[in-house]
Protein backbone atom coordinates (compact mmCIF):
# COMPACT_ATOMS: atom_id res chain seq x y z
CA MET A 1 79.63 -10.17 100.68
CA ILE A 2 82.39 -12.51 99.65
CA ASN A 3 83.71 -14.64 102.25
CA SER A 4 87.60 -14.31 102.08
CA LYS A 5 88.30 -17.45 104.25
CA PRO A 6 88.37 -20.54 102.02
CA LYS A 7 86.12 -23.22 103.01
CA SER A 8 87.73 -26.43 104.30
CA LEU A 9 86.83 -29.74 102.73
CA VAL A 10 86.74 -31.46 106.05
CA SER A 11 84.70 -29.71 108.86
CA GLU A 12 86.19 -29.31 112.34
CA ARG A 13 83.86 -32.00 113.72
CA ASP A 14 84.85 -34.58 111.33
CA LEU A 15 88.67 -33.72 112.53
CA VAL A 16 87.81 -34.55 116.02
CA LYS A 17 86.22 -37.76 115.03
CA ILE A 18 88.98 -38.91 112.93
CA ALA A 19 91.58 -37.93 115.89
CA ARG A 20 89.52 -40.27 118.38
CA ARG A 21 89.42 -43.02 115.96
CA GLU A 22 91.14 -46.25 117.47
CA PRO A 23 94.11 -47.59 115.60
CA ALA A 24 93.35 -50.18 112.74
CA GLY A 25 95.08 -52.92 114.70
CA PRO A 26 98.08 -54.89 114.23
CA LEU A 27 99.74 -55.14 110.97
CA ARG A 28 98.82 -58.30 109.05
CA TRP A 29 100.84 -59.82 106.43
CA SER A 30 98.94 -61.55 103.46
CA GLU A 31 100.02 -64.99 102.48
CA SER A 32 101.54 -63.86 99.42
CA SER A 33 103.90 -61.40 101.17
CA MET A 34 105.00 -64.15 103.69
CA ARG A 35 105.57 -66.59 100.73
CA LEU A 36 107.88 -63.86 99.01
CA LEU A 37 109.62 -63.27 102.46
CA ALA A 38 110.26 -66.89 102.67
CA GLU A 39 111.36 -67.34 99.28
CA GLY A 40 113.85 -64.34 99.57
CA ARG A 41 115.33 -66.08 102.87
CA ALA A 42 115.86 -69.29 100.70
CA ARG A 43 117.68 -67.45 97.89
CA ARG A 44 120.09 -65.68 100.65
CA ASP A 45 120.91 -69.17 102.33
CA PRO A 46 122.95 -71.24 99.83
CA ASP A 47 122.42 -74.37 101.89
CA ARG A 48 118.60 -74.07 101.40
CA ILE A 49 117.16 -75.62 98.35
CA GLY A 50 113.60 -76.15 97.20
CA ARG A 51 111.75 -79.32 96.42
CA HIS A 52 112.67 -79.35 92.72
CA ALA A 53 116.25 -78.89 93.37
CA ALA A 54 115.97 -81.86 96.12
CA THR A 55 114.50 -84.15 93.33
CA VAL A 56 117.15 -83.40 90.96
CA THR A 57 119.94 -84.17 93.69
CA LEU A 58 118.14 -87.45 94.55
CA GLY A 59 117.05 -88.46 90.90
CA VAL A 60 113.61 -88.94 91.64
CA THR A 61 110.14 -86.89 90.84
CA VAL A 62 108.48 -84.44 92.93
CA ARG A 63 105.68 -86.71 93.42
CA THR A 64 107.92 -89.36 94.78
CA LEU A 65 109.40 -86.90 97.11
CA GLN A 66 105.84 -86.08 98.58
CA ARG A 67 104.87 -89.68 99.02
CA TRP A 68 108.08 -90.33 100.77
CA HIS A 69 107.32 -87.55 103.11
CA GLN A 70 103.60 -88.99 103.79
CA LYS A 71 105.52 -92.32 104.70
CA GLY A 72 108.05 -90.73 106.92
CA PHE A 73 110.92 -91.77 104.45
CA GLY A 74 113.19 -89.58 102.63
CA PRO A 75 115.31 -86.46 103.80
CA ALA A 76 114.01 -84.04 106.38
CA ARG A 77 111.64 -81.51 104.99
CA LYS A 78 111.73 -78.20 106.49
CA ASN A 79 109.44 -75.17 106.67
CA HIS A 80 107.96 -72.69 109.00
CA PRO A 81 104.47 -73.45 109.95
CA CYS A 82 103.39 -69.99 108.78
CA TYR A 83 105.44 -69.83 105.64
CA ARG A 84 104.22 -71.88 102.77
CA PRO A 85 107.54 -72.80 100.78
CA ILE A 86 108.98 -76.20 101.68
CA TRP A 87 112.48 -76.14 101.52
CA TYR A 88 115.30 -78.76 102.38
CA SER A 89 118.93 -78.60 103.44
CA ARG A 90 121.21 -79.27 100.72
CA THR A 91 123.85 -81.01 103.03
CA GLU A 92 121.22 -83.37 104.58
CA VAL A 93 119.75 -84.22 101.13
CA GLU A 94 123.19 -85.16 99.84
CA GLN A 95 123.95 -87.12 103.06
CA TRP A 96 120.60 -88.96 102.96
CA ALA A 97 121.03 -89.75 99.30
CA SER A 98 124.59 -91.17 99.77
CA LEU A 99 123.53 -93.19 102.80
CA ASN A 100 120.34 -94.61 100.89
CA GLY A 101 122.00 -95.10 97.42
CA TYR A 102 119.89 -92.47 95.73
CA GLY A 103 121.27 -89.52 93.72
CA SER A 104 123.83 -89.27 90.70
């Protein structure tokens, strides 16, 4: 006798197990996803500039800017603790450069 009812790929017991399963937990963002989000925010705000643009404004190298930050010198560096990209406020960099004799 041929069974007219198609056989399910998942048994009824398996469906009950799946339905009782706990949720996977909170959504976690990967580091690369967070970096892309932060970079997207920087692109939308014209006052935010990256460290390379800041070095062009100041007329120094990226390494000099890093050394200044370690010594507590230079324009205020900004970044959220969770987001990796470092950025500067364009107006603050320009003000700092004019007060301290740097830049073009």
